[in-house]
């Protein structure tokens, strides 16, 4: 259940993450193989962990998608406070240009981290790039990540799952649905670009002010803020049951 080799997206899709490769669709595709691609998933480690979720939706919609992701590249790339780049820009430019060839562009990133005031330059450049993308008339789909739990919460839940004889005063590992800041970039995207589709994973896991860490008796988190592969897949299946497939519109 918790072995990295079989359930961690950074191991399972290692050829698609931090390799800075674009167009290796044999290795890195989601959905159903066809003659031509229908879209692309780009972003950072959150894009890599969203791949299994998107794969479920893409298969249901009959789409063939390519994915390429790298840490620190939420859309273009992370910027320092003075506006200089954290990382070489080329990968970001190339992956976005490649994504622009297709009708559908999927983006997933650490939006909470991006909304930290210290990341203002990256925040503003992301909004600017999205504005330019919207003007191209592409269908843009953004994934809003689950709220973060704690390392301790996850550790305790895994011990109990593994039937290790330990006693905790709590057996419910749900956690409060904490408020995201007013400048949270997803809220800003909704205000500025109503045509962008937001798939919010919290809609599946949070209700009445609490967020669960398990779905169908399976822990969906790999670490406090990333999904494991089986969890992402389960979330995809749950999303299809609860909502219409937004990729079919």
C-alpha atoms as a PDB file:
ATOM      1  CA  UNK A   1       0.000   0.000   0.000  1.00  0.00           C
ATOM      2  CA  UNK A   2       2.675   2.512   0.994  1.00  0.00           C
ATOM      3  CA  UNK A   3       5.637   1.230  -0.971  1.00  0.00           C
ATOM      4  CA  UNK A   4       7.226   4.017  -2.978  1.00  0.00           C
ATOM      5  CA  UNK A   5       7.958   1.772  -5.974  1.00  0.00           C
ATOM      6  CA  UNK A   6       4.326   0.912  -6.591  1.00  0.00           C
ATOM      7  CA  UNK A   7       2.420   3.892  -5.250  1.00  0.00           C
ATOM      8  CA  UNK A   8       4.491   7.070  -5.371  1.00  0.00           C
ATOM      9  CA  UNK A   9       3.995   9.185  -8.509  1.00  0.00           C
ATOM     10  CA  UNK A  10       7.600  10.434  -8.428  1.00  0.00           C
ATOM     11  CA  UNK A  11       8.751   6.789  -8.727  1.00  0.00           C
ATOM     12  CA  UNK A  12       6.015   5.448 -11.021  1.00  0.00           C
ATOM     13  CA  UNK A  13       6.171   8.390 -13.421  1.00  0.00           C
ATOM     14  CA  UNK A  14       9.814   9.214 -12.935  1.00  0.00           C
ATOM     15  CA  UNK A  15      10.368   9.361 -16.680  1.00  0.00           C
ATOM     16  CA  UNK A  16       7.799  12.217 -16.814  1.00  0.00           C
ATOM     17  CA  UNK A  17       9.004  14.223 -13.822  1.00  0.00           C
ATOM     18  CA  UNK A  18      12.188  16.275 -13.382  1.00  0.00           C
ATOM     19  CA  UNK A  19      13.497  14.914 -16.680  1.00  0.00           C
ATOM     20  CA  UNK A  20      12.855  18.176 -18.566  1.00  0.00           C
ATOM     21  CA  UNK A  21      11.690  16.173 -21.541  1.00  0.00           C
ATOM     22  CA  UNK A  22       8.804  17.123 -23.798  1.00  0.00           C
ATOM     23  CA  UNK A  23       7.130  15.019 -26.453  1.00  0.00           C
ATOM     24  CA  UNK A  24       8.122  11.600 -25.050  1.00  0.00           C
ATOM     25  CA  UNK A  25       4.499  10.522 -25.366  1.00  0.00           C
ATOM     26  CA  UNK A  26       5.272   6.797 -25.483  1.00  0.00           C
ATOM     27  CA  UNK A  27       6.550   7.067 -21.908  1.00  0.00           C
ATOM     28  CA  UNK A  28       4.313   9.819 -20.682  1.00  0.00           C
ATOM     29  CA  UNK A  29       0.735   9.656 -21.828  1.00  0.00           C
ATOM     30  CA  UNK A  30      -2.626   9.655 -20.074  1.00  0.00           C
ATOM     31  CA  UNK A  31      -5.994   8.493 -21.310  1.00  0.00           C
ATOM     32  CA  UNK A  32      -6.351   6.555 -24.554  1.00  0.00           C
ATOM     33  CA  UNK A  33      -3.659   6.256 -27.206  1.00  0.00           C
ATOM     34  CA  UNK A  34      -4.742   7.745 -30.532  1.00  0.00           C
ATOM     35  CA  UNK A  35      -3.134   9.111 -33.676  1.00  0.00           C
ATOM     36  CA  UNK A  36      -2.892  12.634 -32.323  1.00  0.00           C
ATOM     37  CA  UNK A  37      -2.786  14.255 -28.913  1.00  0.00           C
ATOM     38  CA  UNK A  38      -5.777  16.108 -27.464  1.00  0.00           C
ATOM     39  CA  UNK A  39      -3.900  18.010 -24.779  1.00  0.00           C
ATOM     40  CA  UNK A  40      -1.108  18.253 -22.278  1.00  0.00           C
ATOM     41  CA  UNK A  41      -0.644  18.369 -18.502  1.00  0.00           C
ATOM     42  CA  UNK A  42       2.095  20.715 -17.270  1.00  0.00           C
ATOM     43  CA  UNK A  43       3.213  21.972 -13.877  1.00  0.00           C
ATOM     44  CA  UNK A  44       5.332  20.996 -10.904  1.00  0.00           C
ATOM     45  CA  UNK A  45       5.284  17.941  -8.598  1.00  0.00           C
ATOM     46  CA  UNK A  46       1.541  18.546  -8.116  1.00  0.00           C
ATOM     47  CA  UNK A  47       1.059  17.928 -11.849  1.00  0.00           C
ATOM     48  CA  UNK A  48       2.958  14.668 -11.523  1.00  0.00           C
ATOM     49  CA  UNK A  49       0.748  13.516  -8.635  1.00  0.00           C
ATOM     50  CA  UNK A  50      -2.417  14.605 -10.481  1.00  0.00           C
ATOM     51  CA  UNK A  51      -1.581  12.408 -13.493  1.00  0.00           C
ATOM     52  CA  UNK A  52      -3.391   9.306 -12.181  1.00  0.00           C
ATOM     53  CA  UNK A  53      -6.508  11.406 -11.416  1.00  0.00           C
ATOM     54  CA  UNK A  54      -6.477  12.955 -14.895  1.00  0.00           C
ATOM     55  CA  UNK A  55      -5.859   9.550 -16.476  1.00  0.00           C
ATOM     56  CA  UNK A  56      -9.233   8.341 -15.131  1.00  0.00           C
ATOM     57  CA  UNK A  57     -11.058  11.375 -16.546  1.00  0.00           C
ATOM     58  CA  UNK A  58      -9.165  11.240 -19.861  1.00  0.00           C
ATOM     59  CA  UNK A  59      -9.966   7.547 -20.389  1.00  0.00           C
ATOM     60  CA  UNK A  60     -13.638   8.241 -19.690  1.00  0.00           C
ATOM     61  CA  UNK A  61     -13.616  11.129 -22.195  1.00  0.00           C
ATOM     62  CA  UNK A  62     -11.586   9.210 -24.812  1.00  0.00           C
ATOM     63  CA  UNK A  63      -8.726  11.711 -24.775  1.00  0.00           C
ATOM     64  CA  UNK A  64      -5.022  11.168 -25.453  1.00  0.00           C
ATOM     65  CA  UNK A  65      -2.863  13.467 -23.309  1.00  0.00           C
ATOM     66  CA  UNK A  66       0.859  13.993 -22.774  1.00  0.00           C
ATOM     67  CA  UNK A  67       2.325  15.020 -19.407  1.00  0.00           C
ATOM     68  CA  UNK A  68       5.600  16.631 -18.431  1.00  0.00           C
ATOM     69  CA  UNK A  69       6.331  18.165 -15.043  1.00  0.00           C
ATOM     70  CA  UNK A  70       9.263  19.472 -13.023  1.00  0.00           C
ATOM     71  CA  UNK A  71       9.668  20.756  -9.487  1.00  0.00           C
ATOM     72  CA  UNK A  72       9.610  24.544  -9.265  1.00  0.00           C
ATOM     73  CA  UNK A  73       7.824  25.039 -12.597  1.00  0.00           C
ATOM     74  CA  UNK A  74       4.213  25.868 -11.649  1.00  0.00           C
ATOM     75  CA  UNK A  75       3.438  27.193 -15.124  1.00  0.00           C
ATOM     76  CA  UNK A  76       6.462  29.073 -16.347  1.00  0.00           C
ATOM     77  CA  UNK A  77       9.001  28.897 -13.554  1.00  0.00           C
ATOM     78  CA  UNK A  78       9.589  30.137 -10.048  1.00  0.00           C
ATOM     79  CA  UNK A  79      10.889  33.691  -9.779  1.00  0.00           C
ATOM     80  CA  UNK A  80      12.943  35.300  -7.045  1.00  0.00           C
ATOM     81  CA  UNK A  81      11.660  38.458  -5.365  1.00  0.00           C
ATOM     82  CA  UNK A  82      13.622  40.623  -7.799  1.00  0.00           C
ATOM     83  CA  UNK A  83      11.950  38.865 -10.737  1.00  0.00           C
ATOM     84  CA  UNK A  84      14.995  36.810 -11.737  1.00  0.00           C
ATOM     85  CA  UNK A  85      14.414  33.134 -12.456  1.00  0.00           C
ATOM     86  CA  UNK A  86      15.043  30.360  -9.901  1.00  0.00           C
ATOM     87  CA  UNK A  87      15.625  27.892 -12.712  1.00  0.00           C
ATOM     88  CA  UNK A  88      16.520  27.907 -16.406  1.00  0.00           C
ATOM     89  CA  UNK A  89      13.586  29.248 -18.370  1.00  0.00           C
ATOM     90  CA  UNK A  90      13.894  27.080 -21.455  1.00  0.00           C
ATOM     91  CA  UNK A  91      11.970  24.062 -20.166  1.00  0.00           C
ATOM     92  CA  UNK A  92       9.036  26.216 -19.088  1.00  0.00           C
ATOM     93  CA  UNK A  93       8.901  28.059 -22.412  1.00  0.00           C
ATOM     94  CA  UNK A  94       9.224  24.841 -24.436  1.00  0.00           C
ATOM     95  CA  UNK A  95       6.594  22.903 -22.470  1.00  0.00           C
ATOM     96  CA  UNK A  96       4.091  25.760 -22.654  1.00  0.00           C
ATOM     97  CA  UNK A  97       4.683  26.185 -26.400  1.00  0.00           C
ATOM     98  CA  UNK A  98       4.218  22.456 -26.881  1.00  0.00           C
ATOM     99  CA  UNK A  99       0.999  22.521 -24.816  1.00  0.00           C
ATOM    100  CA  UNK A 100      -0.317  25.393 -26.947  1.00  0.00           C
ATOM    101  CA  UNK A 101      -0.456  23.074 -29.965  1.00  0.00           C
ATOM    102  CA  UNK A 102      -3.464  21.327 -28.443  1.00  0.00           C
ATOM    103  CA  UNK A 103      -7.039  22.183 -27.622  1.00  0.00           C
ATOM    104  CA  UNK A 104      -6.782  21.276 -23.928  1.00  0.00           C
ATOM    105  CA  UNK A 105      -4.149  22.528 -21.492  1.00  0.00           C
ATOM    106  CA  UNK A 106      -4.118  21.087 -17.976  1.00  0.00           C
ATOM    107  CA  UNK A 107      -2.161  22.773 -15.188  1.00  0.00           C
ATOM    108  CA  UNK A 108      -1.528  21.621 -11.622  1.00  0.00           C
ATOM    109  CA  UNK A 109       0.837  23.236  -9.138  1.00  0.00           C
ATOM    110  CA  UNK A 110       1.474  24.035  -5.518  1.00  0.00           C
ATOM    111  CA  UNK A 111      -0.982  26.941  -5.548  1.00  0.00           C
ATOM    112  CA  UNK A 112      -0.801  27.381  -1.766  1.00  0.00           C
ATOM    113  CA  UNK A 113       2.967  27.836  -1.882  1.00  0.00           C
ATOM    114  CA  UNK A 114       2.566  30.176  -4.831  1.00  0.00           C
ATOM    115  CA  UNK A 115       0.165  32.363  -2.830  1.00  0.00           C
ATOM    116  CA  UNK A 116       2.737  33.016  -0.103  1.00  0.00           C
ATOM    117  CA  UNK A 117       3.525  36.774  -0.186  1.00  0.00           C
ATOM    118  CA  UNK A 118       7.212  35.908  -0.610  1.00  0.00           C
ATOM    119  CA  UNK A 119       6.334  34.419  -4.008  1.00  0.00           C
ATOM    120  CA  UNK A 120       4.670  37.557  -5.342  1.00  0.00           C
ATOM    121  CA  UNK A 121       6.798  37.689  -8.516  1.00  0.00           C
ATOM    122  CA  UNK A 122       5.863  34.095  -9.441  1.00  0.00           C
ATOM    123  CA  UNK A 123       2.209  34.780  -8.552  1.00  0.00           C
ATOM    124  CA  UNK A 124       2.037  37.803 -10.857  1.00  0.00           C
ATOM    125  CA  UNK A 125       3.872  36.087 -13.704  1.00  0.00           C
ATOM    126  CA  UNK A 126       1.507  33.082 -13.433  1.00  0.00           C
ATOM    127  CA  UNK A 127      -1.552  35.358 -13.684  1.00  0.00           C
ATOM    128  CA  UNK A 128       0.003  37.186 -16.655  1.00  0.00           C
ATOM    129  CA  UNK A 129       0.811  33.920 -18.483  1.00  0.00           C
ATOM    130  CA  UNK A 130      -2.702  32.584 -17.822  1.00  0.00           C
ATOM    131  CA  UNK A 131      -4.170  35.798 -19.212  1.00  0.00           C
ATOM    132  CA  UNK A 132      -2.185  35.310 -22.418  1.00  0.00           C
ATOM    133  CA  UNK A 133      -3.276  31.662 -22.601  1.00  0.00           C
ATOM    134  CA  UNK A 134      -6.946  32.539 -22.142  1.00  0.00           C
ATOM    135  CA  UNK A 135      -6.713  34.896 -25.131  1.00  0.00           C
ATOM    136  CA  UNK A 136      -5.667  31.975 -27.351  1.00  0.00           C
ATOM    137  CA  UNK A 137      -9.114  30.442 -26.783  1.00  0.00           C
ATOM    138  CA  UNK A 138      -7.722  27.132 -25.515  1.00  0.00           C
ATOM    139  CA  UNK A 139      -9.662  25.070 -23.014  1.00  0.00           C
ATOM    140  CA  UNK A 140      -7.701  25.506 -19.787  1.00  0.00           C
ATOM    141  CA  UNK A 141      -8.304  23.148 -16.872  1.00  0.00           C
ATOM    142  CA  UNK A 142      -6.636  23.785 -13.522  1.00  0.00           C
ATOM    143  CA  UNK A 143      -6.506  21.334 -10.617  1.00  0.00           C
ATOM    144  CA  UNK A 144      -6.891  22.772  -7.138  1.00  0.00           C
ATOM    145  CA  UNK A 145      -4.978  20.505  -4.757  1.00  0.00           C
ATOM    146  CA  UNK A 146      -6.263  19.018  -1.525  1.00  0.00           C
ATOM    147  CA  UNK A 147      -5.565  20.935   1.648  1.00  0.00           C
ATOM    148  CA  UNK A 148      -2.407  19.839   3.422  1.00  0.00           C
ATOM    149  CA  UNK A 149      -2.565  17.532   6.418  1.00  0.00           C
ATOM    150  CA  UNK A 150       0.316  17.039   8.880  1.00  0.00           C
ATOM    151  CA  UNK A 151       3.167  14.554   8.852  1.00  0.00           C
ATOM    152  CA  UNK A 152       2.103  13.330  12.313  1.00  0.00           C
ATOM    153  CA  UNK A 153      -1.506  12.819  11.282  1.00  0.00           C
ATOM    154  CA  UNK A 154      -0.455  10.798   8.275  1.00  0.00           C
ATOM    155  CA  UNK A 155       2.082   8.770  10.210  1.00  0.00           C
ATOM    156  CA  UNK A 156      -0.461   7.767  12.864  1.00  0.00           C
ATOM    157  CA  UNK A 157      -3.044   6.822  10.263  1.00  0.00           C
ATOM    158  CA  UNK A 158      -0.494   4.649   8.416  1.00  0.00           C
ATOM    159  CA  UNK A 159       0.511   2.873  11.644  1.00  0.00           C
ATOM    160  CA  UNK A 160      -3.115   2.033  12.360  1.00  0.00           C
ATOM    161  CA  UNK A 161      -3.656   0.903   8.752  1.00  0.00           C
ATOM    162  CA  UNK A 162      -0.588  -1.342   9.012  1.00  0.00           C
ATOM    163  CA  UNK A 163      -2.220  -2.944  12.096  1.00  0.00           C
ATOM    164  CA  UNK A 164       0.767  -2.032  14.245  1.00  0.00           C
ATOM    165  CA  UNK A 165      -0.348  -2.399  17.868  1.00  0.00           C
ATOM    166  CA  UNK A 166      -0.205   1.214  18.976  1.00  0.00           C
ATOM    167  CA  UNK A 167      -2.755   3.207  20.886  1.00  0.00           C
ATOM    168  CA  UNK A 168      -3.775   6.729  19.959  1.00  0.00           C
ATOM    169  CA  UNK A 169      -6.492   8.640  21.700  1.00  0.00           C
ATOM    170  CA  UNK A 170      -7.879   9.522  18.265  1.00  0.00           C
ATOM    171  CA  UNK A 171      -8.866   7.165  15.516  1.00  0.00           C
ATOM    172  CA  UNK A 172     -10.341   9.769  13.212  1.00  0.00           C
ATOM    173  CA  UNK A 173      -7.665  11.486  11.173  1.00  0.00           C
ATOM    174  CA  UNK A 174      -9.783  14.077   9.432  1.00  0.00           C
ATOM    175  CA  UNK A 175      -8.516  17.625   9.920  1.00  0.00           C
ATOM    176  CA  UNK A 176     -10.081  21.102   9.823  1.00  0.00           C
ATOM    177  CA  UNK A 177     -10.757  22.602   6.398  1.00  0.00           C
ATOM    178  CA  UNK A 178      -8.548  25.603   7.065  1.00  0.00           C
ATOM    179  CA  UNK A 179      -9.252  28.854   5.302  1.00  0.00           C
ATOM    180  CA  UNK A 180      -7.059  29.726   2.388  1.00  0.00           C
ATOM    181  CA  UNK A 181      -5.936  33.383   2.150  1.00  0.00           C
ATOM    182  CA  UNK A 182      -7.995  35.921   0.207  1.00  0.00           C
ATOM    183  CA  UNK A 183      -5.150  36.255  -2.280  1.00  0.00           C
ATOM    184  CA  UNK A 184      -5.114  32.472  -2.861  1.00  0.00           C
ATOM    185  CA  UNK A 185      -4.250  32.312  -6.549  1.00  0.00           C
ATOM    186  CA  UNK A 186      -7.150  29.995  -7.456  1.00  0.00           C
ATOM    187  CA  UNK A 187      -9.610  32.621  -6.159  1.00  0.00           C
ATOM    188  CA  UNK A 188      -7.820  35.251  -8.215  1.00  0.00           C
ATOM    189  CA  UNK A 189      -7.955  33.013 -11.313  1.00  0.00           C
ATOM    190  CA  UNK A 190     -11.719  32.514 -10.811  1.00  0.00           C
ATOM    191  CA  UNK A 191     -12.237  36.283 -10.503  1.00  0.00           C
ATOM    192  CA  UNK A 192     -10.112  37.170 -13.505  1.00  0.00           C
ATOM    193  CA  UNK A 193     -10.662  34.282 -15.908  1.00  0.00           C
ATOM    194  CA  UNK A 194     -14.149  32.772 -15.601  1.00  0.00           C
ATOM    195  CA  UNK A 195     -13.562  30.642 -18.722  1.00  0.00           C
ATOM    196  CA  UNK A 196     -10.889  28.558 -16.938  1.00  0.00           C
ATOM    197  CA  UNK A 197     -12.281  25.280 -15.563  1.00  0.00           C
ATOM    198  CA  UNK A 198     -11.231  24.548 -11.991  1.00  0.00           C
ATOM    199  CA  UNK A 199     -11.361  20.944 -10.800  1.00  0.00           C
ATOM    200  CA  UNK A 200     -11.298  21.234  -7.020  1.00  0.00           C
ATOM    201  CA  UNK A 201     -10.280  17.992  -5.302  1.00  0.00           C
ATOM    202  CA  UNK A 202     -11.388  19.408  -1.944  1.00  0.00           C
ATOM    203  CA  UNK A 203     -15.003  19.038  -3.150  1.00  0.00           C
ATOM    204  CA  UNK A 204     -14.515  15.285  -2.769  1.00  0.00           C
ATOM    205  CA  UNK A 205     -12.716  15.200   0.570  1.00  0.00           C
ATOM    206  CA  UNK A 206     -13.997  18.131   2.629  1.00  0.00           C
ATOM    207  CA  UNK A 207     -17.434  18.764   4.070  1.00  0.00           C
ATOM    208  CA  UNK A 208     -18.872  20.435   7.155  1.00  0.00           C
ATOM    209  CA  UNK A 209     -15.533  22.095   7.839  1.00  0.00           C
ATOM    210  CA  UNK A 210     -13.525  18.850   7.927  1.00  0.00           C
ATOM    211  CA  UNK A 211     -11.282  17.145   5.365  1.00  0.00           C
ATOM    212  CA  UNK A 212     -10.735  13.384   5.212  1.00  0.00           C
ATOM    213  CA  UNK A 213      -7.403  11.751   4.424  1.00  0.00           C
ATOM    214  CA  UNK A 214      -8.989   8.460   3.303  1.00  0.00           C
ATOM    215  CA  UNK A 215     -11.297   7.489   0.486  1.00  0.00           C
ATOM    216  CA  UNK A 216     -12.751   3.962   0.254  1.00  0.00           C
ATOM    217  CA  UNK A 217     -10.620   3.014   3.248  1.00  0.00           C
ATOM    218  CA  UNK A 218      -7.435   4.059   1.433  1.00  0.00           C
ATOM    219  CA  UNK A 219      -5.166   6.899   2.504  1.00  0.00           C
ATOM    220  CA  UNK A 220      -4.899   9.208  -0.507  1.00  0.00           C
ATOM    221  CA  UNK A 221      -1.886  11.222   0.665  1.00  0.00           C
ATOM    222  CA  UNK A 222       1.730  10.304  -0.026  1.00  0.00           C
ATOM    223  CA  UNK A 223       3.017  13.089   2.210  1.00  0.00           C
ATOM    224  CA  UNK A 224       1.248  16.068   3.844  1.00  0.00           C
ATOM    225  CA  UNK A 225       0.374  17.771   0.561  1.00  0.00           C
ATOM    226  CA  UNK A 226       0.895  15.254  -2.274  1.00  0.00           C
ATOM    227  CA  UNK A 227      -1.296  12.365  -3.392  1.00  0.00           C
ATOM    228  CA  UNK A 228      -0.193   8.783  -3.840  1.00  0.00           C
ATOM    229  CA  UNK A 229      -1.100   7.091  -7.107  1.00  0.00           C
ATOM    230  CA  UNK A 230      -3.876   4.812  -5.841  1.00  0.00           C
ATOM    231  CA  UNK A 231      -5.375   7.777  -3.973  1.00  0.00           C
ATOM    232  CA  UNK A 232      -5.303   9.970  -7.074  1.00  0.00           C
ATOM    233  CA  UNK A 233      -6.998   7.221  -9.073  1.00  0.00           C
ATOM    234  CA  UNK A 234      -9.709   6.747  -6.435  1.00  0.00           C
ATOM    235  CA  UNK A 235     -10.307  10.499  -6.400  1.00  0.00           C
ATOM    236  CA  UNK A 236     -10.701  10.418 -10.188  1.00  0.00           C
ATOM    237  CA  UNK A 237     -13.290   7.644  -9.959  1.00  0.00           C
ATOM    238  CA  UNK A 238     -15.133   9.468  -7.160  1.00  0.00           C
ATOM    239  CA  UNK A 239     -15.101  12.686  -9.192  1.00  0.00           C
ATOM    240  CA  UNK A 240     -16.726  10.955 -12.152  1.00  0.00           C
ATOM    241  CA  UNK A 241     -19.439   9.499  -9.910  1.00  0.00           C
ATOM    242  CA  UNK A 242     -20.211  12.809  -8.237  1.00  0.00           C
ATOM    243  CA  UNK A 243     -19.867  15.225 -11.165  1.00  0.00           C
ATOM    244  CA  UNK A 244     -20.107  15.089 -14.912  1.00  0.00           C
ATOM    245  CA  UNK A 245     -16.773  14.705 -16.638  1.00  0.00           C
ATOM    246  CA  UNK A 246     -15.612  18.275 -17.342  1.00  0.00           C
ATOM    247  CA  UNK A 247     -13.404  16.943 -20.167  1.00  0.00           C
ATOM    248  CA  UNK A 248     -16.441  15.882 -22.184  1.00  0.00           C
ATOM    249  CA  UNK A 249     -17.869  19.377 -22.575  1.00  0.00           C
END
